[in-house]
Amino acid sequence: MFYPSLFDSFFAPTRVIVVSEERLQAAEREAKMQQLEALDNRIAELTDYRQSLSKELTPAKVNEVNSKPGADLDSMDGECDV
């Protein structure tokens, strides 16, 4: 939009948009429903990720309890080529 003077560019009339109360409430409700759905999806993703990490750590914990520290290196004892 072209303003003929600098004064007009700073003091241009404001825009007024009239929306009914029902439409405003419906839009707010829709926005909240979308946020709720996004949160539910994110919670599901994080729960799946947590379960996969838990499955990865469970065998490691069992091996740690049943073996001594450095047991994985014991198989290499006596095989030094130096």
N, C-alpha and C. Protein backbone atom coordinates (compact mmCIF):
# COMPACT_ATOMS: atom_id res chain seq x y z
N MET A 1 0.85 -1.17 0.00
CA MET A 1 0.00 0.00 0.00
C MET A 1 0.89 1.23 0.00
N PHE A 2 0.57 2.19 -0.81
CA PHE A 2 1.37 3.40 -0.95
C PHE A 2 0.74 4.52 -0.12
N TYR A 3 1.56 5.15 0.73
CA TYR A 3 1.10 6.28 1.53
C TYR A 3 1.72 7.55 0.95
N PRO A 4 0.92 8.56 0.73
CA PRO A 4 1.44 9.77 0.11
C PRO A 4 2.44 10.53 0.99
N SER A 5 2.36 10.40 2.30
CA SER A 5 3.31 11.13 3.14
C SER A 5 3.76 10.26 4.31
N LEU A 6 4.82 10.68 4.94
CA LEU A 6 5.35 9.95 6.09
C LEU A 6 4.34 9.95 7.24
N PHE A 7 3.63 11.04 7.42
CA PHE A 7 2.63 11.15 8.47
C PHE A 7 1.54 10.10 8.29
N ASP A 8 1.08 9.91 7.06
CA ASP A 8 0.02 8.94 6.79
C ASP A 8 0.48 7.50 7.04
N SER A 9 1.77 7.24 6.83
CA SER A 9 2.24 5.88 7.03
C SER A 9 2.24 5.49 8.51
N PHE A 10 2.43 6.46 9.42
CA PHE A 10 2.42 6.16 10.85
C PHE A 10 1.04 6.20 11.46
N PHE A 11 0.15 6.93 10.88
CA PHE A 11 -1.18 7.10 11.45
C PHE A 11 -2.26 6.57 10.51
N ALA A 12 -1.98 5.42 9.91
CA ALA A 12 -2.96 4.80 9.03
C ALA A 12 -4.10 4.23 9.87
N PRO A 13 -5.27 4.17 9.33
CA PRO A 13 -6.40 3.62 10.10
C PRO A 13 -6.17 2.13 10.42
N THR A 14 -6.59 1.74 11.59
CA THR A 14 -6.42 0.35 12.00
C THR A 14 -7.50 -0.52 11.39
N ARG A 15 -7.18 -1.78 11.27
CA ARG A 15 -8.14 -2.72 10.72
C ARG A 15 -8.92 -3.35 11.85
N VAL A 16 -10.21 -3.44 11.69
CA VAL A 16 -11.07 -4.05 12.69
C VAL A 16 -11.76 -5.25 12.04
N ILE A 17 -11.57 -6.40 12.66
CA ILE A 17 -12.20 -7.61 12.15
C ILE A 17 -13.22 -8.06 13.18
N VAL A 18 -14.45 -8.20 12.75
CA VAL A 18 -15.53 -8.58 13.65
C VAL A 18 -15.78 -10.07 13.50
N VAL A 19 -15.71 -10.77 14.64
CA VAL A 19 -15.94 -12.21 14.66
C VAL A 19 -16.97 -12.49 15.73
N SER A 20 -17.90 -13.37 15.42
CA SER A 20 -18.91 -13.69 16.42
C SER A 20 -18.28 -14.50 17.55
N GLU A 21 -18.89 -14.41 18.70
CA GLU A 21 -18.39 -15.11 19.89
C GLU A 21 -18.38 -16.63 19.66
N GLU A 22 -19.38 -17.13 18.97
CA GLU A 22 -19.47 -18.57 18.72
C GLU A 22 -18.31 -19.03 17.83
N ARG A 23 -18.01 -18.26 16.80
CA ARG A 23 -16.90 -18.62 15.91
C ARG A 23 -15.57 -18.56 16.64
N LEU A 24 -15.42 -17.57 17.50
CA LEU A 24 -14.20 -17.44 18.28
C LEU A 24 -14.03 -18.64 19.21
N GLN A 25 -15.09 -19.02 19.89
CA GLN A 25 -15.03 -20.18 20.79
C GLN A 25 -14.77 -21.47 20.01
N ALA A 26 -15.38 -21.59 18.85
CA ALA A 26 -15.17 -22.79 18.03
C ALA A 26 -13.72 -22.86 17.55
N ALA A 27 -13.16 -21.73 17.18
CA ALA A 27 -11.76 -21.71 16.72
C ALA A 27 -10.82 -22.04 17.88
N GLU A 28 -11.10 -21.51 19.07
CA GLU A 28 -10.28 -21.82 20.24
C GLU A 28 -10.37 -23.30 20.59
N ARG A 29 -11.56 -23.85 20.51
CA ARG A 29 -11.76 -25.27 20.80
C ARG A 29 -11.01 -26.14 19.78
N GLU A 30 -11.09 -25.77 18.53
CA GLU A 30 -10.38 -26.52 17.48
C GLU A 30 -8.87 -26.48 17.71
N ALA A 31 -8.36 -25.31 18.07
CA ALA A 31 -6.92 -25.17 18.33
C ALA A 31 -6.50 -26.03 19.52
N LYS A 32 -7.31 -26.05 20.56
CA LYS A 32 -7.00 -26.88 21.73
C LYS A 32 -7.08 -28.37 21.39
N MET A 33 -8.01 -28.75 20.56
CA MET A 33 -8.13 -30.16 20.14
C MET A 33 -6.90 -30.57 19.34
N GLN A 34 -6.41 -29.69 18.48
CA GLN A 34 -5.20 -29.99 17.71
C GLN A 34 -3.99 -30.10 18.62
N GLN A 35 -3.89 -29.24 19.62
CA GLN A 35 -2.79 -29.32 20.57
C GLN A 35 -2.85 -30.63 21.35
N LEU A 36 -4.05 -31.01 21.76
CA LEU A 36 -4.23 -32.25 22.51
C LEU A 36 -3.83 -33.46 21.67
N GLU A 37 -4.22 -33.46 20.41
CA GLU A 37 -3.85 -34.55 19.51
C GLU A 37 -2.34 -34.61 19.30
N ALA A 38 -1.72 -33.45 19.14
CA ALA A 38 -0.27 -33.41 18.97
C ALA A 38 0.44 -33.93 20.23
N LEU A 39 -0.06 -33.56 21.40
CA LEU A 39 0.52 -34.06 22.64
C LEU A 39 0.36 -35.57 22.77
N ASP A 40 -0.81 -36.08 22.42
CA ASP A 40 -1.03 -37.53 22.48
C ASP A 40 -0.08 -38.26 21.55
N ASN A 41 0.12 -37.73 20.36
CA ASN A 41 1.05 -38.35 19.41
C ASN A 41 2.47 -38.33 19.94
N ARG A 42 2.87 -37.22 20.53
CA ARG A 42 4.24 -37.11 21.07
C ARG A 42 4.43 -38.05 22.25
N ILE A 43 3.42 -38.16 23.11
CA ILE A 43 3.50 -39.07 24.25
C ILE A 43 3.64 -40.51 23.76
N ALA A 44 2.90 -40.87 22.72
CA ALA A 44 3.00 -42.22 22.17
C ALA A 44 4.39 -42.48 21.60
N GLU A 45 4.94 -41.50 20.89
CA GLU A 45 6.29 -41.64 20.33
C GLU A 45 7.33 -41.82 21.45
N LEU A 46 7.23 -41.00 22.49
CA LEU A 46 8.18 -41.08 23.58
C LEU A 46 8.04 -42.39 24.37
N THR A 47 6.81 -42.88 24.52
CA THR A 47 6.59 -44.15 25.20
C THR A 47 7.21 -45.29 24.41
N ASP A 48 7.02 -45.29 23.11
CA ASP A 48 7.63 -46.32 22.27
C ASP A 48 9.16 -46.27 22.35
N TYR A 49 9.71 -45.07 22.33
CA TYR A 49 11.16 -44.91 22.41
C TYR A 49 11.68 -45.39 23.77
N ARG A 50 10.95 -45.08 24.83
CA ARG A 50 11.35 -45.52 26.17
C ARG A 50 11.33 -47.04 26.25
N GLN A 51 10.32 -47.66 25.69
CA GLN A 51 10.23 -49.12 25.73
C GLN A 51 11.36 -49.76 24.94
N SER A 52 11.73 -49.17 23.80
CA SER A 52 12.82 -49.74 23.02
C SER A 52 14.14 -49.61 23.76
N LEU A 53 14.36 -48.48 24.43
CA LEU A 53 15.58 -48.32 25.23
C LEU A 53 15.61 -49.30 26.40
N SER A 54 14.46 -49.50 27.00
CA SER A 54 14.38 -50.43 28.12
C SER A 54 14.71 -51.85 27.67
N LYS A 55 14.23 -52.23 26.49
CA LYS A 55 14.53 -53.57 25.96
C LYS A 55 16.01 -53.72 25.66
N GLU A 56 16.66 -52.65 25.20
CA GLU A 56 18.09 -52.70 24.92
C GLU A 56 18.90 -52.83 26.21
N LEU A 57 18.46 -52.19 27.27
CA LEU A 57 19.20 -52.20 28.52
C LEU A 57 18.96 -53.46 29.35
N THR A 58 17.84 -54.11 29.19
CA THR A 58 17.54 -55.29 30.00
C THR A 58 18.56 -56.40 29.81
N PRO A 59 18.93 -56.81 28.60
CA PRO A 59 19.96 -57.85 28.47
C PRO A 59 21.30 -57.40 29.02
N ALA A 60 21.63 -56.14 28.91
CA ALA A 60 22.90 -55.64 29.43
C ALA A 60 22.94 -55.76 30.95
N LYS A 61 21.82 -55.47 31.61
CA LYS A 61 21.76 -55.59 33.06
C LYS A 61 21.93 -57.03 33.49
N VAL A 62 21.32 -57.97 32.77
CA VAL A 62 21.42 -59.38 33.12
C VAL A 62 22.87 -59.84 32.98
N ASN A 63 23.55 -59.44 31.94
CA ASN A 63 24.95 -59.81 31.73
C ASN A 63 25.84 -59.20 32.81
N GLU A 64 25.54 -57.97 33.24
CA GLU A 64 26.35 -57.32 34.26
C GLU A 64 26.23 -58.04 35.59
N VAL A 65 25.05 -58.52 35.91
CA VAL A 65 24.83 -59.19 37.18
C VAL A 65 25.49 -60.55 37.19
N ASN A 66 25.46 -61.28 36.09
CA ASN A 66 25.94 -62.65 36.03
C ASN A 66 27.43 -62.78 35.72
N SER A 67 28.10 -61.71 35.42
CA SER A 67 29.51 -61.82 35.05
C SER A 67 30.36 -60.84 35.82
N LYS A 68 31.64 -61.11 35.82
CA LYS A 68 32.57 -60.21 36.50
C LYS A 68 32.97 -59.08 35.55
N PRO A 69 33.50 -58.00 36.08
CA PRO A 69 33.94 -56.91 35.21
C PRO A 69 35.09 -57.37 34.31
N GLY A 70 35.01 -57.02 33.06
CA GLY A 70 36.06 -57.37 32.11
C GLY A 70 35.94 -58.78 31.57
N ALA A 71 34.79 -59.44 31.81
CA ALA A 71 34.62 -60.81 31.33
C ALA A 71 34.65 -60.87 29.81
N ASP A 72 34.24 -59.82 29.15
CA ASP A 72 34.26 -59.80 27.69
C ASP A 72 35.69 -59.77 27.16
N LEU A 73 36.64 -59.32 27.95
CA LEU A 73 38.03 -59.28 27.52
C LEU A 73 38.78 -60.57 27.88
N ASP A 74 38.21 -61.41 28.75
CA ASP A 74 38.87 -62.65 29.14
C ASP A 74 39.10 -63.58 27.96
N SER A 75 38.22 -63.52 26.97
CA SER A 75 38.38 -64.39 25.80
C SER A 75 39.62 -63.99 25.00
N MET A 76 40.11 -62.79 25.18
CA MET A 76 41.27 -62.33 24.44
C MET A 76 42.56 -62.61 25.19
N ASP A 77 42.51 -63.06 26.42
CA ASP A 77 43.71 -63.35 27.20
C ASP A 77 44.52 -64.47 26.53
N GLY A 78 45.80 -64.30 26.46
CA GLY A 78 46.66 -65.32 25.87
C GLY A 78 46.76 -65.25 24.37
N GLU A 79 46.12 -64.29 23.76
CA GLU A 79 46.17 -64.18 22.30
C GLU A 79 46.98 -62.96 21.86
N CYS A 80 47.90 -62.55 22.64
CA CYS A 80 48.67 -61.36 22.33
C CYS A 80 49.69 -61.67 21.23
N ASP A 81 49.73 -60.90 20.19
CA ASP A 81 50.63 -61.10 19.08
C ASP A 81 51.89 -60.25 19.20
N VAL A 82 52.06 -59.52 20.26
CA VAL A 82 53.21 -58.60 20.37
C VAL A 82 54.43 -59.32 20.82
